[in-house]
Protein backbone atom coordinates (compact mmCIF):
# COMPACT_ATOMS: atom_id res chain seq x y z
CA MET A 1 19.48 -38.15 24.49
CA ARG A 2 22.82 -36.79 23.23
CA THR A 3 24.14 -38.94 20.40
CA VAL A 4 27.56 -39.34 18.79
CA GLY A 5 28.02 -40.68 15.26
CA LEU A 6 30.81 -42.96 14.05
CA ILE A 7 31.81 -43.73 10.46
CA VAL A 8 33.01 -47.32 10.32
CA GLU A 9 33.67 -50.51 8.41
CA TYR A 10 34.27 -52.87 11.36
CA ASN A 11 36.07 -55.45 9.26
CA PRO A 12 36.06 -56.91 11.89
CA PHE A 13 35.09 -54.94 15.03
CA HIS A 14 38.24 -55.14 17.17
CA ASN A 15 39.65 -53.80 20.43
CA GLY A 16 40.88 -50.61 18.78
CA HIS A 17 37.37 -49.95 17.51
CA GLN A 18 35.96 -50.48 20.98
CA TYR A 19 38.50 -48.01 22.38
CA HIS A 20 37.51 -45.47 19.73
CA LEU A 21 33.82 -45.97 20.52
CA GLN A 22 34.31 -45.55 24.25
CA GLU A 23 36.51 -42.47 23.86
CA SER A 24 34.05 -40.95 21.39
CA VAL A 25 31.26 -41.29 23.95
CA LYS A 26 33.44 -39.50 26.50
CA ILE A 27 34.66 -36.66 24.31
CA ALA A 28 31.18 -35.94 22.95
CA ASN A 29 29.50 -36.46 26.34
CA ALA A 30 27.09 -38.81 24.57
CA ASP A 31 24.36 -41.12 25.81
CA ALA A 32 24.04 -43.16 22.61
CA VAL A 33 26.10 -44.20 19.57
CA VAL A 34 24.98 -44.27 15.93
CA ALA A 35 27.33 -45.97 13.47
CA VAL A 36 27.09 -45.58 9.71
CA MET A 37 28.77 -48.73 8.42
CA SER A 38 29.80 -49.91 4.97
CA GLY A 39 27.88 -52.92 3.69
CA HIS A 40 29.42 -55.92 1.98
CA PHE A 41 32.06 -54.05 -0.04
CA LEU A 42 34.46 -51.52 1.41
CA GLN A 43 36.28 -48.28 0.76
CA ARG A 44 39.53 -49.88 -0.42
CA GLY A 45 37.67 -51.90 -3.04
CA GLU A 46 37.52 -55.21 -1.20
CA PRO A 47 34.81 -57.47 0.24
CA ALA A 48 34.20 -57.55 3.97
CA VAL A 49 35.45 -60.67 5.75
CA MET A 50 31.96 -61.19 7.28
CA ASN A 51 28.58 -60.18 5.91
CA LYS A 52 26.97 -56.94 7.02
CA TRP A 53 24.45 -58.57 9.38
CA ALA A 54 27.17 -60.40 11.31
CA ARG A 55 29.24 -57.21 11.49
CA THR A 56 26.16 -55.31 12.66
CA GLU A 57 25.65 -57.79 15.48
CA ALA A 58 29.29 -57.43 16.54
CA ALA A 59 28.92 -53.63 16.48
CA LEU A 60 25.78 -53.69 18.63
CA ARG A 61 27.32 -56.11 21.11
CA GLY A 62 30.41 -53.89 21.17
CA GLY A 63 28.54 -50.75 22.22
CA CYS A 64 26.74 -49.25 19.22
CA ASP A 65 23.04 -48.51 19.65
CA LEU A 66 22.00 -48.04 16.03
CA VAL A 67 23.77 -49.24 12.87
CA ILE A 68 22.95 -47.64 9.51
CA GLU A 69 24.26 -48.86 6.16
CA LEU A 70 26.42 -46.62 4.02
CA PRO A 71 25.18 -47.26 0.46
CA THR A 72 27.56 -49.15 -1.81
CA ALA A 73 27.67 -46.14 -4.14
CA TYR A 74 29.55 -44.23 -1.42
CA ALA A 75 31.10 -47.07 0.60
CA THR A 76 33.35 -48.14 -2.29
CA GLN A 77 34.56 -44.65 -3.19
CA ALA A 78 37.76 -42.75 -2.54
CA ALA A 79 37.90 -40.45 0.49
CA GLU A 80 35.93 -37.48 -0.92
CA TRP A 81 32.70 -39.30 -1.75
CA PHE A 82 33.01 -41.93 0.99
CA ALA A 83 33.15 -39.09 3.52
CA TYR A 84 30.40 -37.11 1.83
CA GLY A 85 27.97 -40.04 1.88
CA ALA A 86 28.72 -40.98 5.48
CA VAL A 87 28.54 -37.47 6.93
CA SER A 88 25.38 -36.75 4.93
CA ILE A 89 23.63 -39.81 6.36
CA LEU A 90 24.56 -38.99 9.96
CA GLU A 91 23.30 -35.43 9.46
CA ALA A 92 20.11 -36.64 7.77
CA THR A 93 19.11 -38.79 10.75
CA GLY A 94 18.21 -35.64 12.65
CA VAL A 95 19.28 -37.30 15.92
CA VAL A 96 23.10 -37.21 15.79
CA ASP A 97 24.60 -34.28 17.70
CA ALA A 98 28.29 -34.92 17.05
CA PHE A 99 30.59 -37.29 15.22
CA CYS A 100 34.06 -38.50 16.09
CA PHE A 101 36.82 -40.00 13.95
CA GLY A 102 40.31 -41.25 14.63
CA THR A 103 43.46 -39.49 13.42
CA GLU A 104 47.18 -39.95 13.73
CA SER A 105 47.60 -36.73 15.74
CA GLY A 106 44.33 -36.38 17.63
CA GLU A 107 44.34 -32.70 16.59
CA ILE A 108 41.38 -31.21 14.74
CA ASP A 109 42.07 -27.46 14.43
CA ALA A 110 44.38 -27.65 11.39
CA LEU A 111 42.02 -30.04 9.63
CA ARG A 112 38.99 -27.87 10.35
CA ASP A 113 40.73 -24.68 9.19
CA ALA A 114 41.89 -26.33 5.96
CA ALA A 115 38.42 -27.75 5.32
CA LYS A 116 36.86 -24.30 5.53
CA LEU A 117 39.38 -22.92 3.04
CA ILE A 118 39.14 -25.65 0.40
CA ALA A 119 35.63 -27.08 0.86
CA HIS A 120 34.44 -25.46 -2.35
CA GLU A 121 37.80 -25.85 -4.13
CA PRO A 122 38.82 -22.30 -5.11
CA PRO A 123 40.32 -22.05 -8.62
CA ALA A 124 43.86 -21.62 -7.28
CA PHE A 125 43.56 -24.88 -5.35
CA GLN A 126 42.10 -26.68 -8.38
CA GLU A 127 45.08 -25.59 -10.46
CA LEU A 128 47.57 -26.78 -7.84
CA LEU A 129 45.76 -30.13 -7.67
CA ARG A 130 45.86 -30.48 -11.45
CA GLU A 131 49.61 -29.78 -11.46
CA ALA A 132 50.22 -32.33 -8.71
CA LEU A 133 48.24 -35.00 -10.55
CA GLU A 134 50.25 -34.37 -13.72
CA GLY A 135 53.29 -35.46 -11.74
CA GLY A 136 51.98 -39.03 -11.89
CA VAL A 137 51.34 -39.51 -8.18
CA SER A 138 48.22 -41.00 -6.63
CA TYR A 139 45.20 -38.78 -6.01
CA PRO A 140 45.55 -38.75 -2.18
CA SER A 141 49.21 -37.75 -2.49
CA ALA A 142 48.39 -35.07 -5.06
CA TYR A 143 45.58 -33.72 -2.89
CA SER A 144 47.77 -33.34 0.19
CA THR A 145 50.52 -31.73 -1.91
CA ALA A 146 48.01 -29.24 -3.33
CA ILE A 147 46.72 -28.39 0.15
CA ALA A 148 50.21 -27.60 1.43
CA ALA A 149 50.99 -25.53 -1.66
CA TYR A 150 47.71 -23.62 -1.40
CA LEU A 151 48.13 -22.85 2.30
CA THR A 152 51.67 -21.63 1.61
CA ALA A 153 50.44 -19.46 -1.25
CA ILE A 154 47.88 -17.71 0.97
CA GLY A 155 50.44 -17.04 3.69
CA GLN A 156 49.67 -19.91 6.08
CA GLU A 157 53.05 -21.63 6.04
CA ASP A 158 52.67 -23.02 9.56
CA ALA A 159 49.38 -24.73 8.67
CA ALA A 160 50.96 -26.05 5.46
CA GLY A 161 53.33 -28.18 7.52
CA PHE A 162 50.54 -30.30 9.00
CA PRO A 163 50.80 -33.96 7.83
CA PHE A 164 47.65 -33.99 5.69
CA ALA A 165 48.94 -36.97 3.70
CA GLN A 166 48.64 -39.41 6.61
CA PRO A 167 45.70 -41.72 5.82
CA ASN A 168 43.46 -40.86 8.77
CA HIS A 169 44.22 -37.15 8.42
CA THR A 170 43.21 -37.35 4.76
CA LEU A 171 39.93 -39.08 5.60
CA GLY A 172 39.27 -36.76 8.54
CA LEU A 173 39.83 -33.72 6.36
CA HIS A 174 37.25 -35.02 3.90
CA TYR A 175 34.75 -35.61 6.72
CA LEU A 176 35.13 -31.95 7.66
CA ILE A 177 34.94 -30.82 4.02
CA ALA A 178 31.71 -32.78 3.68
CA LEU A 179 30.33 -31.14 6.84
CA GLU A 180 31.12 -27.71 5.34
CA ARG A 181 29.52 -28.56 2.00
CA ILE A 182 26.25 -29.77 3.48
CA LYS A 183 26.24 -26.98 6.10
CA GLY A 184 25.84 -29.63 8.81
CA ARG A 185 25.02 -28.86 12.42
CA MET A 186 26.92 -31.79 13.97
CA LEU A 187 29.97 -31.01 16.09
CA PRO A 188 33.14 -32.80 14.91
CA TYR A 189 35.66 -34.41 17.26
CA THR A 190 38.75 -36.50 16.77
CA ILE A 191 40.76 -38.84 18.96
CA ARG A 192 44.26 -40.15 18.43
CA ARG A 193 44.81 -43.68 17.12
CA GLU A 194 46.71 -45.77 19.64
CA LYS A 195 49.17 -48.66 19.32
CA SER A 196 48.55 -49.51 15.65
CA GLU A 197 48.73 -47.48 12.48
CA TYR A 198 46.16 -47.47 9.68
CA GLY A 199 46.92 -50.35 7.32
CA GLN A 200 49.67 -51.80 9.53
CA THR A 201 50.09 -55.43 8.48
CA THR A 202 51.78 -56.83 11.58
CA VAL A 203 50.60 -57.33 15.16
CA THR A 204 52.86 -55.38 17.53
CA ASP A 205 50.70 -55.16 20.66
CA HIS A 206 49.14 -57.90 22.76
CA ALA A 207 45.62 -56.43 22.56
CA ILE A 208 45.33 -53.85 19.78
CA ALA A 209 46.08 -54.37 16.08
CA SER A 210 44.86 -52.80 12.87
CA ALA A 211 41.97 -54.41 11.02
CA THR A 212 44.44 -55.07 8.19
CA ALA A 213 46.73 -57.10 10.46
CA ILE A 214 43.79 -59.04 11.89
CA ARG A 215 42.46 -59.87 8.41
CA LYS A 216 45.92 -61.05 7.44
CA LEU A 217 45.82 -63.51 10.36
CA LEU A 218 42.36 -64.66 9.32
CA LEU A 219 42.81 -64.88 5.55
CA GLU A 220 46.46 -65.74 5.01
CA GLY A 221 47.09 -67.82 8.10
CA GLY A 222 43.55 -69.08 8.52
CA GLU A 223 44.06 -68.56 12.24
CA LEU A 224 40.74 -67.65 13.83
CA GLU A 225 42.05 -68.47 17.31
CA ALA A 226 45.01 -66.10 16.82
CA SER A 227 42.59 -63.17 16.58
CA ARG A 228 40.98 -63.87 19.98
CA PRO A 229 43.21 -61.47 22.04
CA LEU A 230 42.69 -58.68 19.47
CA VAL A 231 38.89 -58.53 19.39
CA PRO A 232 36.21 -58.25 22.08
CA SER A 233 34.87 -61.60 23.27
CA THR A 234 31.51 -60.69 21.75
CA THR A 235 33.09 -60.22 18.32
CA PHE A 236 34.95 -63.51 18.64
CA GLU A 237 31.70 -65.32 19.39
CA VAL A 238 30.15 -63.91 16.21
CA MET A 239 33.24 -64.87 14.22
CA GLN A 240 33.26 -68.41 15.58
CA ARG A 241 29.64 -68.85 14.52
CA GLU A 242 30.21 -67.39 11.05
CA TRP A 243 33.32 -69.52 10.45
CA ALA A 244 31.59 -72.66 11.70
CA SER A 245 28.58 -72.02 9.43
CA GLY A 246 30.75 -71.65 6.33
CA ARG A 247 29.60 -68.07 5.73
CA SER A 248 33.05 -66.64 6.46
CA PRO A 249 35.77 -65.74 5.81
CA VAL A 250 35.15 -63.96 2.51
CA SER A 251 37.92 -62.37 0.44
CA TRP A 252 38.65 -61.39 -3.14
CA SER A 253 39.55 -65.01 -3.87
CA ASN A 254 35.84 -65.85 -3.70
CA PHE A 255 35.13 -63.49 -6.60
CA VAL A 256 37.95 -64.23 -9.05
CA GLN A 257 35.94 -66.44 -11.41
CA PRO A 258 32.94 -64.09 -11.85
CA LEU A 259 35.36 -61.17 -12.20
CA LEU A 260 37.39 -62.87 -14.93
CA HIS A 261 34.22 -64.02 -16.68
CA THR A 262 33.09 -60.40 -16.98
CA VAL A 263 36.52 -59.20 -18.14
CA VAL A 264 36.98 -61.80 -20.88
CA THR A 265 33.44 -61.31 -22.24
CA HIS A 266 33.88 -57.52 -22.60
CA THR A 267 35.61 -55.41 -25.22
CA PRO A 268 38.01 -52.64 -24.16
CA GLY A 269 35.29 -50.11 -24.91
CA GLN A 270 32.80 -51.90 -22.67
CA LEU A 271 35.32 -52.18 -19.83
CA ALA A 272 36.09 -48.47 -20.14
CA GLY A 273 32.47 -47.76 -19.24
CA TYR A 274 32.92 -49.00 -15.67
CA ARG A 275 33.67 -46.65 -12.79
CA GLU A 276 37.38 -46.17 -11.98
CA MET A 277 38.43 -47.57 -15.37
CA MET A 278 40.56 -44.79 -16.84
CA GLU A 279 43.89 -43.92 -18.42
CA GLY A 280 43.90 -47.06 -20.55
CA LEU A 281 43.54 -49.47 -17.63
CA GLU A 282 41.14 -51.58 -19.71
CA TYR A 283 43.93 -52.34 -22.21
CA ARG A 284 46.45 -53.07 -19.47
CA LEU A 285 43.97 -55.50 -17.90
CA LEU A 286 43.20 -57.39 -21.10
CA GLN A 287 46.88 -57.56 -22.07
CA ALA A 288 47.87 -58.90 -18.62
CA LEU A 289 45.48 -61.86 -18.53
CA PRO A 290 47.13 -64.09 -21.17
CA LYS A 291 50.49 -63.68 -19.41
CA LEU A 292 49.35 -64.88 -16.00
CA ASP A 293 50.74 -68.22 -14.84
CA LYS A 294 47.70 -68.63 -12.56
CA THR A 295 44.41 -66.83 -12.07
CA GLY A 296 44.60 -65.81 -8.41
CA PHE A 297 43.60 -62.30 -7.41
CA GLU A 298 47.01 -61.37 -5.99
CA THR A 299 48.68 -62.56 -9.19
CA LEU A 300 46.39 -60.32 -11.20
CA LEU A 301 47.09 -57.31 -8.96
CA ASP A 302 50.84 -57.85 -9.19
CA ALA A 303 50.59 -57.85 -12.99
CA LEU A 304 48.65 -54.58 -13.00
CA LYS A 305 50.31 -52.49 -10.27
CA THR A 306 52.38 -49.44 -11.17
CA LYS A 307 53.19 -46.18 -9.41
CA ARG A 308 49.98 -44.69 -10.82
CA TYR A 309 47.84 -47.81 -10.46
CA THR A 310 48.02 -48.43 -6.71
CA ARG A 311 46.54 -51.52 -5.07
CA THR A 312 43.55 -49.59 -3.76
CA LYS A 313 42.88 -47.91 -7.09
CA LEU A 314 43.05 -51.26 -8.88
CA GLN A 315 40.80 -52.98 -6.35
CA ARG A 316 38.16 -50.27 -6.78
CA ALA A 317 38.38 -50.58 -10.55
CA LEU A 318 38.06 -54.38 -10.47
CA LEU A 319 35.20 -54.11 -8.00
CA SER A 320 33.35 -51.80 -10.37
CA ILE A 321 33.65 -54.49 -13.05
CA LEU A 322 32.53 -57.24 -10.68
CA LEU A 323 29.46 -55.26 -9.57
CA HIS A 324 28.80 -53.72 -13.00
CA HIS A 325 29.07 -50.17 -11.70
CA LYS A 326 28.80 -47.95 -14.75
CA LYS A 327 30.28 -44.45 -14.83
CA GLU A 328 26.93 -42.84 -15.59
CA ASP A 329 25.59 -43.91 -12.18
CA PHE A 330 28.50 -42.29 -10.35
CA THR A 331 28.85 -38.81 -11.82
CA ALA A 332 29.84 -36.00 -9.47
CA ASP A 333 26.42 -34.42 -9.88
CA LYS A 334 24.61 -37.62 -8.89
CA LEU A 335 26.88 -38.26 -5.92
CA ALA A 336 26.61 -34.64 -4.77
CA ALA A 337 22.82 -34.97 -4.77
CA GLY A 338 23.37 -37.16 -1.72
CA VAL A 339 21.89 -40.26 -0.20
CA GLU A 340 18.19 -40.97 -0.74
CA TYR A 341 17.31 -43.14 2.24
CA ILE A 342 18.52 -44.28 5.66
CA ARG A 343 18.82 -48.07 5.76
CA VAL A 344 18.77 -49.49 9.29
CA LEU A 345 20.81 -52.66 9.79
CA GLY A 346 20.32 -53.11 13.52
CA PHE A 347 19.56 -51.53 16.88
CA THR A 348 19.43 -51.99 20.64
CA GLY A 349 16.64 -50.89 22.97
CA LYS A 350 18.23 -47.45 23.15
CA GLY A 351 18.59 -47.48 19.37
CA GLN A 352 14.88 -48.17 19.08
CA GLN A 353 14.24 -44.94 20.97
CA LEU A 354 16.42 -43.13 18.44
CA LEU A 355 14.47 -44.73 15.61
CA ARG A 356 11.23 -43.33 16.98
CA ARG A 357 12.77 -39.85 16.93
CA MET A 358 14.18 -40.40 13.46
CA LYS A 359 10.75 -41.19 12.05
CA LYS A 360 9.75 -37.66 13.08
CA GLU A 361 12.99 -35.75 12.55
CA ALA A 362 14.95 -37.48 9.77
CA LYS A 363 15.38 -35.65 6.47
CA LEU A 364 15.19 -38.90 4.48
CA PRO A 365 12.94 -41.99 4.44
CA VAL A 366 13.96 -44.65 6.99
CA LEU A 367 14.16 -48.22 5.62
CA LEU A 368 14.02 -51.35 7.77
CA SER A 369 13.95 -53.62 4.69
CA ALA A 370 14.49 -53.31 0.95
CA ALA A 371 11.22 -55.15 0.30
CA ARG A 372 8.97 -52.07 0.34
CA PRO A 373 11.16 -49.03 -0.23
CA PRO A 374 9.41 -45.65 0.06
CA VAL A 375 11.69 -44.26 -2.65
CA ASP A 376 12.60 -45.45 -6.15
CA SER A 377 16.37 -45.38 -5.73
CA ARG A 378 19.08 -46.52 -8.10
CA TYR A 379 21.45 -46.61 -5.14
CA LEU A 380 19.18 -49.05 -3.32
CA GLU A 381 19.21 -51.24 -6.43
CA LEU A 382 23.01 -51.18 -6.34
CA ASP A 383 22.94 -52.16 -2.66
CA THR A 384 20.70 -55.17 -3.19
CA GLN A 385 22.70 -56.28 -6.23
CA ALA A 386 25.95 -56.03 -4.25
CA SER A 387 24.38 -58.06 -1.43
CA ALA A 388 23.28 -60.79 -3.82
CA ALA A 389 26.75 -60.98 -5.39
CA TYR A 390 28.42 -61.16 -1.98
CA MET A 391 26.09 -63.76 -0.51
CA LEU A 392 26.40 -65.94 -3.61
CA ALA A 393 30.16 -66.02 -3.08
CA GLN A 394 30.09 -67.06 0.58
CA PRO A 395 32.31 -70.11 1.04
CA GLY A 396 30.16 -73.18 1.51
CA HIS A 397 26.97 -71.26 2.16
CA ALA A 398 25.69 -69.79 -1.12
CA SER A 399 21.97 -70.15 -1.74
CA ALA A 400 19.11 -68.39 -3.48
CA ALA A 401 17.64 -67.48 -0.08
CA ALA A 402 20.92 -65.93 1.04
CA MET A 403 21.14 -63.82 -2.10
CA TYR A 404 17.90 -62.05 -1.23
CA ARG A 405 18.36 -61.44 2.48
CA ASP A 406 18.03 -57.69 1.85
CA PHE A 407 14.37 -58.32 1.02
CA THR A 408 13.58 -60.94 3.65
CA ASP A 409 15.61 -60.05 6.74
CA ARG A 410 14.59 -57.50 9.33
CA PRO A 411 17.23 -55.49 11.19
CA VAL A 412 19.39 -57.19 13.81
CA ILE A 413 17.85 -56.47 17.22
CA LEU A 414 19.85 -56.70 20.43
CA GLU A 415 17.56 -56.70 23.45
């Protein structure tokens, strides 16, 4: 059974995701789909609008055969470590033959060539990156600038003109860098994004919109019905159930009080110990609070944002405070050591066949529940803590039982 891997958040699973899934199956000539999906908290430092079990169900009903959780330690990181964790897990399953990601251009050659050149960051590239960062720009912008400068310096001016700075190109490049670093055997493919750009906030097509635009409809307008044309009917059914139950929607507004509680009970030195807190951000945060006219999350972000402190950077920093993610748990050495387990969130009948193969061929222990882990993993602890924090904040549905679903729930099974 030939299998293609996808790296996803599905927040929520929409028509564009279904297109990507179907095209990935075609381009990889695959018989089955394995998705590695972020859990309750996501790469841009924000909570998922629905919990991971609901999103798993939507993914399975949308065409995935096996859904694996990307540990929180990697799911909430910038592109380099997000990509490294996801690609490592797909490779570790032992059953994924190829993986496919979306890009703005649909072209992979320039990305693959650049990945081979900079995967191990030659000194000249490191120096160019350092110089770009000193210019005060964001890390993604500095990274793409350094790539172009490095390719120019080694006589590859044509390659230097590729738009590496576009968001999906940046992420795709890091997927390929990760594949180089782990010496993976999977074949990489890319397909072109259609009809909506990454992060686009408005709906401009009758059927396809970015996840960002759909979440804006759901969270700002509170319009569940308005999302119906933009998501598969199976996703809409899951969303209707989750909204009706009071479990969704979830946003940063559900976490403001516990976040502020942690901030105001910490000294600057204690805040500086959390991941992503750097360059004096702890002082800026503490100085901003007394000046706020209200304690909403957007108000706080507006008070903190600068050219250097982008929205995404700030959200990741605030998330690290909320989840008590200390810097010592996220060193480069620890992250480079890789994932320690494969946590299964759900599967179909075909996915169950893949699971049987994985039990023989996977390079890591396979977990169906956190109740009896075969490994003593700090990252699994962080996952279960993040789950408890998320479930406690569900609007109108927080309970002690919900907090510990990681230990009591089995994977979602779609017959």
